[in-house]
Amino acid sequence: QVQLVESGGGLVQAGDSLRVSCAASGRSFSRNAMGWFRQAPGKDREFVSVINWNGRTTYYADSVKCRFTISRDNAKNSMYLQMDSLKPEDTAVYYCAAVNGIYYTPTGQDKFDYWGQGTQVTVSS
């Protein structure tokens, strides 16, 4: 059974940093892109960032560019999102996702096949 489990969410103040993690189990994603999405209260889920299979290609939403950094450790079958200079508008449930196809890096959430349950990130002003 494939599972993606997020961790590391919490309550922080504006300007703080936080790192969320995603641990995969049930299969290896070492040849697959992985990404982060988020859903704020009353809003649709949106793309945050994606990283390709070897970590050399990354894409970010404009709203998080230069503040968030995505990374992965294929030996640990894990992915991370370092979030700096957090703003109240970053408050959301953050979801980890992975694609089934190999060696391609989509940004559309309809292209992702596996999803975690999400971790809450709350940024107070």
N, C-alpha and C. Protein backbone atom coordinates (compact mmCIF):
# COMPACT_ATOMS: atom_id res chain seq x y z
N GLN A 1 0.84 -1.19 0.00
CA GLN A 1 0.00 0.00 0.00
C GLN A 1 0.88 1.25 0.00
N VAL A 2 0.67 2.10 -0.99
CA VAL A 2 1.46 3.32 -1.09
C VAL A 2 0.90 4.38 -0.14
N GLN A 3 1.80 4.99 0.61
CA GLN A 3 1.39 6.05 1.52
C GLN A 3 2.34 7.22 1.44
N LEU A 4 1.78 8.41 1.51
CA LEU A 4 2.55 9.64 1.66
C LEU A 4 2.08 10.27 2.97
N VAL A 5 3.03 10.53 3.85
CA VAL A 5 2.68 11.06 5.16
C VAL A 5 3.44 12.36 5.39
N GLU A 6 2.68 13.44 5.57
CA GLU A 6 3.27 14.74 5.84
C GLU A 6 3.46 14.91 7.35
N SER A 7 4.45 15.72 7.69
CA SER A 7 4.68 16.06 9.09
C SER A 7 5.37 17.41 9.15
N GLY A 8 5.36 18.01 10.34
CA GLY A 8 6.10 19.25 10.54
C GLY A 8 5.27 20.51 10.52
N GLY A 9 3.98 20.38 10.27
CA GLY A 9 3.15 21.57 10.30
C GLY A 9 3.01 22.11 11.71
N GLY A 10 2.43 23.30 11.82
CA GLY A 10 2.24 23.88 13.14
C GLY A 10 1.81 25.32 13.07
N LEU A 11 1.84 25.97 14.24
CA LEU A 11 1.47 27.37 14.36
C LEU A 11 2.73 28.20 14.55
N VAL A 12 2.92 29.16 13.68
CA VAL A 12 4.09 30.04 13.76
C VAL A 12 3.64 31.48 13.57
N GLN A 13 4.56 32.40 13.83
CA GLN A 13 4.26 33.81 13.63
C GLN A 13 4.78 34.28 12.27
N ALA A 14 4.21 35.35 11.78
CA ALA A 14 4.66 35.92 10.51
C ALA A 14 6.16 36.22 10.59
N GLY A 15 6.86 35.85 9.53
CA GLY A 15 8.30 36.05 9.49
C GLY A 15 9.11 34.84 9.93
N ASP A 16 8.45 33.89 10.58
CA ASP A 16 9.13 32.68 11.04
C ASP A 16 9.38 31.70 9.89
N SER A 17 10.11 30.65 10.22
CA SER A 17 10.38 29.58 9.26
C SER A 17 9.79 28.27 9.77
N LEU A 18 9.54 27.37 8.83
CA LEU A 18 9.00 26.06 9.17
C LEU A 18 9.39 25.10 8.06
N ARG A 19 9.67 23.86 8.42
CA ARG A 19 9.96 22.85 7.40
C ARG A 19 8.96 21.71 7.53
N VAL A 20 8.28 21.42 6.44
CA VAL A 20 7.39 20.28 6.41
C VAL A 20 8.05 19.15 5.62
N SER A 21 7.73 17.94 6.02
CA SER A 21 8.34 16.76 5.40
C SER A 21 7.26 15.84 4.86
N CYS A 22 7.67 15.03 3.90
CA CYS A 22 6.78 14.03 3.32
C CYS A 22 7.55 12.72 3.23
N ALA A 23 7.07 11.71 3.91
CA ALA A 23 7.70 10.39 3.88
C ALA A 23 6.84 9.44 3.08
N ALA A 24 7.43 8.81 2.08
CA ALA A 24 6.70 7.88 1.23
C ALA A 24 7.03 6.44 1.64
N SER A 25 6.05 5.58 1.51
CA SER A 25 6.26 4.16 1.78
C SER A 25 5.42 3.34 0.81
N GLY A 26 5.77 2.09 0.68
CA GLY A 26 5.03 1.20 -0.19
C GLY A 26 5.62 1.05 -1.58
N ARG A 27 6.40 2.02 -2.00
CA ARG A 27 7.11 1.95 -3.27
C ARG A 27 8.14 3.07 -3.28
N SER A 28 9.10 2.96 -4.19
CA SER A 28 10.10 4.01 -4.34
C SER A 28 9.62 5.06 -5.32
N PHE A 29 9.92 6.33 -5.00
CA PHE A 29 9.61 7.43 -5.93
C PHE A 29 10.89 8.06 -6.46
N SER A 30 11.97 7.31 -6.46
CA SER A 30 13.26 7.87 -6.84
C SER A 30 13.32 8.27 -8.32
N ARG A 31 12.41 7.81 -9.15
CA ARG A 31 12.37 8.21 -10.56
C ARG A 31 11.15 9.05 -10.88
N ASN A 32 10.50 9.58 -9.84
CA ASN A 32 9.22 10.26 -10.03
C ASN A 32 9.25 11.66 -9.41
N ALA A 33 8.60 12.58 -10.12
CA ALA A 33 8.46 13.92 -9.55
C ALA A 33 7.54 13.88 -8.33
N MET A 34 7.82 14.80 -7.42
CA MET A 34 6.98 14.96 -6.23
C MET A 34 6.71 16.44 -6.04
N GLY A 35 5.61 16.74 -5.39
CA GLY A 35 5.27 18.14 -5.25
C GLY A 35 4.48 18.46 -4.00
N TRP A 36 4.34 19.75 -3.77
CA TRP A 36 3.55 20.27 -2.66
C TRP A 36 2.41 21.12 -3.20
N PHE A 37 1.26 20.94 -2.61
CA PHE A 37 0.09 21.75 -2.90
C PHE A 37 -0.47 22.24 -1.56
N ARG A 38 -1.33 23.22 -1.61
CA ARG A 38 -1.93 23.71 -0.37
C ARG A 38 -3.37 24.15 -0.61
N GLN A 39 -4.14 24.10 0.46
CA GLN A 39 -5.52 24.53 0.39
C GLN A 39 -5.85 25.38 1.61
N ALA A 40 -6.14 26.63 1.34
CA ALA A 40 -6.53 27.56 2.41
C ALA A 40 -8.04 27.45 2.63
N PRO A 41 -8.51 27.86 3.80
CA PRO A 41 -9.94 27.78 4.10
C PRO A 41 -10.76 28.53 3.05
N GLY A 42 -11.76 27.86 2.50
CA GLY A 42 -12.65 28.49 1.54
C GLY A 42 -12.09 28.65 0.15
N LYS A 43 -10.90 28.11 -0.08
CA LYS A 43 -10.26 28.24 -1.40
C LYS A 43 -9.98 26.87 -2.00
N ASP A 44 -9.73 26.87 -3.32
CA ASP A 44 -9.36 25.64 -3.99
C ASP A 44 -7.92 25.28 -3.66
N ARG A 45 -7.63 24.00 -3.80
CA ARG A 45 -6.25 23.57 -3.61
C ARG A 45 -5.40 24.13 -4.74
N GLU A 46 -4.18 24.59 -4.40
CA GLU A 46 -3.32 25.23 -5.39
C GLU A 46 -1.90 24.65 -5.36
N PHE A 47 -1.24 24.79 -6.49
CA PHE A 47 0.14 24.35 -6.64
C PHE A 47 1.07 25.22 -5.82
N VAL A 48 2.05 24.62 -5.17
CA VAL A 48 3.07 25.35 -4.43
C VAL A 48 4.45 25.14 -5.08
N SER A 49 4.84 23.87 -5.22
CA SER A 49 6.16 23.60 -5.76
C SER A 49 6.25 22.15 -6.21
N VAL A 50 7.16 21.89 -7.15
CA VAL A 50 7.40 20.52 -7.60
C VAL A 50 8.90 20.34 -7.80
N ILE A 51 9.36 19.12 -7.61
CA ILE A 51 10.77 18.79 -7.80
C ILE A 51 10.86 17.55 -8.67
N ASN A 52 11.80 17.55 -9.60
CA ASN A 52 11.90 16.40 -10.49
C ASN A 52 12.59 15.24 -9.79
N TRP A 53 12.73 14.14 -10.50
CA TRP A 53 13.16 12.90 -9.87
C TRP A 53 14.53 12.99 -9.21
N ASN A 54 15.46 13.75 -9.79
CA ASN A 54 16.82 13.81 -9.22
C ASN A 54 17.09 15.11 -8.47
N GLY A 55 16.07 15.93 -8.32
CA GLY A 55 16.22 17.15 -7.54
C GLY A 55 16.85 18.31 -8.27
N ARG A 56 17.14 18.16 -9.55
CA ARG A 56 17.86 19.21 -10.26
C ARG A 56 16.93 20.23 -10.91
N THR A 57 15.66 19.93 -10.98
CA THR A 57 14.70 20.86 -11.57
C THR A 57 13.58 21.10 -10.57
N THR A 58 13.31 22.36 -10.31
CA THR A 58 12.24 22.73 -9.39
C THR A 58 11.42 23.86 -9.98
N TYR A 59 10.15 23.90 -9.62
CA TYR A 59 9.27 24.98 -10.02
C TYR A 59 8.51 25.45 -8.78
N TYR A 60 8.21 26.73 -8.76
CA TYR A 60 7.50 27.32 -7.63
C TYR A 60 6.36 28.20 -8.12
N ALA A 61 5.31 28.26 -7.31
CA ALA A 61 4.28 29.27 -7.54
C ALA A 61 4.88 30.65 -7.29
N ASP A 62 4.41 31.63 -8.01
CA ASP A 62 4.96 32.99 -7.85
C ASP A 62 4.82 33.47 -6.41
N SER A 63 3.76 33.06 -5.75
CA SER A 63 3.48 33.55 -4.39
C SER A 63 4.50 33.06 -3.36
N VAL A 64 5.25 32.00 -3.67
CA VAL A 64 6.20 31.46 -2.70
C VAL A 64 7.64 31.52 -3.19
N LYS A 65 7.83 31.95 -4.43
CA LYS A 65 9.17 32.01 -5.00
C LYS A 65 10.07 32.87 -4.15
N CYS A 66 11.30 32.42 -3.95
CA CYS A 66 12.31 33.11 -3.15
C CYS A 66 12.08 33.00 -1.64
N ARG A 67 10.97 32.39 -1.22
CA ARG A 67 10.74 32.18 0.21
C ARG A 67 10.73 30.70 0.58
N PHE A 68 10.27 29.88 -0.34
CA PHE A 68 10.17 28.43 -0.09
C PHE A 68 11.23 27.69 -0.89
N THR A 69 11.72 26.59 -0.34
CA THR A 69 12.69 25.76 -1.03
C THR A 69 12.28 24.29 -0.92
N ILE A 70 12.12 23.65 -2.05
CA ILE A 70 11.76 22.24 -2.09
C ILE A 70 13.02 21.40 -2.26
N SER A 71 13.04 20.25 -1.62
CA SER A 71 14.19 19.35 -1.75
C SER A 71 13.71 17.91 -1.55
N ARG A 72 14.59 16.98 -1.84
CA ARG A 72 14.22 15.57 -1.66
C ARG A 72 15.45 14.76 -1.31
N ASP A 73 15.21 13.61 -0.69
CA ASP A 73 16.26 12.66 -0.36
C ASP A 73 15.78 11.30 -0.84
N ASN A 74 16.24 10.88 -2.00
CA ASN A 74 15.74 9.62 -2.57
C ASN A 74 16.15 8.41 -1.73
N ALA A 75 17.26 8.51 -1.05
CA ALA A 75 17.69 7.40 -0.19
C ALA A 75 16.69 7.17 0.94
N LYS A 76 16.02 8.26 1.34
CA LYS A 76 15.02 8.16 2.41
C LYS A 76 13.60 8.15 1.87
N ASN A 77 13.47 8.21 0.54
CA ASN A 77 12.14 8.24 -0.08
C ASN A 77 11.30 9.38 0.51
N SER A 78 11.95 10.53 0.65
CA SER A 78 11.32 11.66 1.34
C SER A 78 11.49 12.96 0.56
N MET A 79 10.62 13.91 0.87
CA MET A 79 10.66 15.22 0.26
C MET A 79 10.41 16.25 1.35
N TYR A 80 10.90 17.46 1.14
CA TYR A 80 10.80 18.50 2.15
C TYR A 80 10.40 19.83 1.51
N LEU A 81 9.83 20.70 2.34
CA LEU A 81 9.55 22.06 1.92
C LEU A 81 9.98 22.98 3.05
N GLN A 82 11.05 23.73 2.80
CA GLN A 82 11.52 24.73 3.75
C GLN A 82 10.80 26.03 3.45
N MET A 83 10.10 26.54 4.45
CA MET A 83 9.30 27.75 4.26
C MET A 83 9.87 28.85 5.14
N ASP A 84 10.37 29.90 4.53
CA ASP A 84 10.94 31.04 5.25
C ASP A 84 10.07 32.28 5.03
N SER A 85 10.27 33.25 5.89
CA SER A 85 9.52 34.51 5.79
C SER A 85 8.03 34.25 5.61
N LEU A 86 7.49 33.41 6.44
CA LEU A 86 6.09 33.02 6.32
C LEU A 86 5.16 34.21 6.53
N LYS A 87 4.06 34.18 5.80
CA LYS A 87 3.06 35.23 5.86
C LYS A 87 1.72 34.62 6.28
N PRO A 88 0.83 35.41 6.83
CA PRO A 88 -0.49 34.88 7.19
C PRO A 88 -1.20 34.23 6.00
N GLU A 89 -0.97 34.73 4.81
CA GLU A 89 -1.64 34.15 3.63
C GLU A 89 -1.06 32.79 3.24
N ASP A 90 -0.01 32.36 3.90
CA ASP A 90 0.51 31.00 3.68
C ASP A 90 -0.26 29.97 4.51
N THR A 91 -1.15 30.44 5.37
CA THR A 91 -1.95 29.53 6.19
C THR A 91 -2.79 28.62 5.30
N ALA A 92 -2.62 27.31 5.49
CA ALA A 92 -3.31 26.33 4.64
C ALA A 92 -2.97 24.93 5.15
N VAL A 93 -3.70 23.97 4.60
CA VAL A 93 -3.29 22.58 4.74
C VAL A 93 -2.35 22.28 3.57
N TYR A 94 -1.18 21.75 3.89
CA TYR A 94 -0.17 21.47 2.88
C TYR A 94 -0.18 19.97 2.57
N TYR A 95 -0.29 19.66 1.28
CA TYR A 95 -0.37 18.29 0.82
C TYR A 95 0.88 17.91 0.02
N CYS A 96 1.34 16.72 0.28
CA CYS A 96 2.42 16.10 -0.49
C CYS A 96 1.79 15.26 -1.59
N ALA A 97 2.41 15.24 -2.77
CA ALA A 97 1.87 14.46 -3.87
C ALA A 97 3.01 13.90 -4.72
N ALA A 98 2.72 12.81 -5.43
CA ALA A 98 3.73 12.20 -6.30
C ALA A 98 3.07 11.69 -7.58
N VAL A 99 3.85 11.67 -8.64
CA VAL A 99 3.33 11.17 -9.92
C VAL A 99 3.76 9.72 -10.12
N ASN A 100 2.98 9.02 -10.91
CA ASN A 100 3.30 7.63 -11.20
C ASN A 100 4.27 7.51 -12.37
N GLY A 101 4.16 8.41 -13.34
CA GLY A 101 5.04 8.38 -14.49
C GLY A 101 6.46 8.78 -14.11
N ILE A 102 7.41 8.26 -14.88
CA ILE A 102 8.79 8.54 -14.54
C ILE A 102 9.37 9.64 -15.42
N TYR A 103 10.32 10.36 -14.86
CA TYR A 103 11.14 11.32 -15.58
C TYR A 103 10.36 12.47 -16.22
N TYR A 104 9.21 12.81 -15.68
CA TYR A 104 8.58 14.05 -16.13
C TYR A 104 8.07 14.80 -14.93
N THR A 105 7.92 16.12 -15.08
CA THR A 105 7.71 17.00 -13.94
C THR A 105 6.53 17.92 -14.20
N PRO A 106 5.34 17.48 -13.86
CA PRO A 106 4.16 18.31 -14.08
C PRO A 106 3.95 19.30 -12.94
N THR A 107 3.11 20.26 -13.18
CA THR A 107 2.71 21.19 -12.12
C THR A 107 1.20 21.13 -11.87
N GLY A 108 0.46 20.57 -12.80
CA GLY A 108 -0.98 20.47 -12.61
C GLY A 108 -1.34 19.36 -11.65
N GLN A 109 -2.21 19.66 -10.70
CA GLN A 109 -2.50 18.66 -9.68
C GLN A 109 -3.23 17.45 -10.25
N ASP A 110 -3.87 17.59 -11.40
CA ASP A 110 -4.53 16.44 -12.01
C ASP A 110 -3.53 15.40 -12.53
N LYS A 111 -2.27 15.77 -12.62
CA LYS A 111 -1.23 14.86 -13.09
C LYS A 111 -0.61 14.04 -11.95
N PHE A 112 -0.96 14.36 -10.73
CA PHE A 112 -0.39 13.66 -9.58
C PHE A 112 -1.31 12.51 -9.16
N ASP A 113 -0.69 11.37 -8.90
CA ASP A 113 -1.45 10.14 -8.67
C ASP A 113 -1.58 9.75 -7.21
N TYR A 114 -0.65 10.18 -6.40
CA TYR A 114 -0.65 9.82 -4.98
C TYR A 114 -0.66 11.09 -4.14
N TRP A 115 -1.43 11.04 -3.07
CA TRP A 115 -1.60 12.22 -2.21
C TRP A 115 -1.51 11.82 -0.74
N GLY A 116 -0.95 12.73 0.05
CA GLY A 116 -0.96 12.56 1.49
C GLY A 116 -2.23 13.14 2.09
N GLN A 117 -2.34 13.02 3.39
CA GLN A 117 -3.52 13.50 4.09
C GLN A 117 -3.44 14.99 4.42
N GLY A 118 -2.26 15.54 4.38
CA GLY A 118 -2.10 16.95 4.63
C GLY A 118 -1.62 17.27 6.04
N THR A 119 -0.96 18.41 6.16
CA THR A 119 -0.53 18.91 7.46
C THR A 119 -0.86 20.40 7.53
N GLN A 120 -1.40 20.81 8.67
CA GLN A 120 -1.86 22.20 8.82
C GLN A 120 -0.69 23.12 9.15
N VAL A 121 -0.61 24.21 8.40
CA VAL A 121 0.34 25.28 8.68
C VAL A 121 -0.47 26.54 8.93
N THR A 122 -0.28 27.12 10.09
CA THR A 122 -1.00 28.34 10.46
C THR A 122 0.02 29.43 10.80
N VAL A 123 -0.11 30.56 10.13
CA VAL A 123 0.80 31.68 10.34
C VAL A 123 0.00 32.83 10.93
N SER A 124 0.33 33.22 12.13
CA SER A 124 -0.37 34.31 12.78
C SER A 124 0.33 35.64 12.51
N SER A 125 -0.44 36.70 12.49
CA SER A 125 0.13 38.03 12.19
C SER A 125 0.58 38.74 13.44
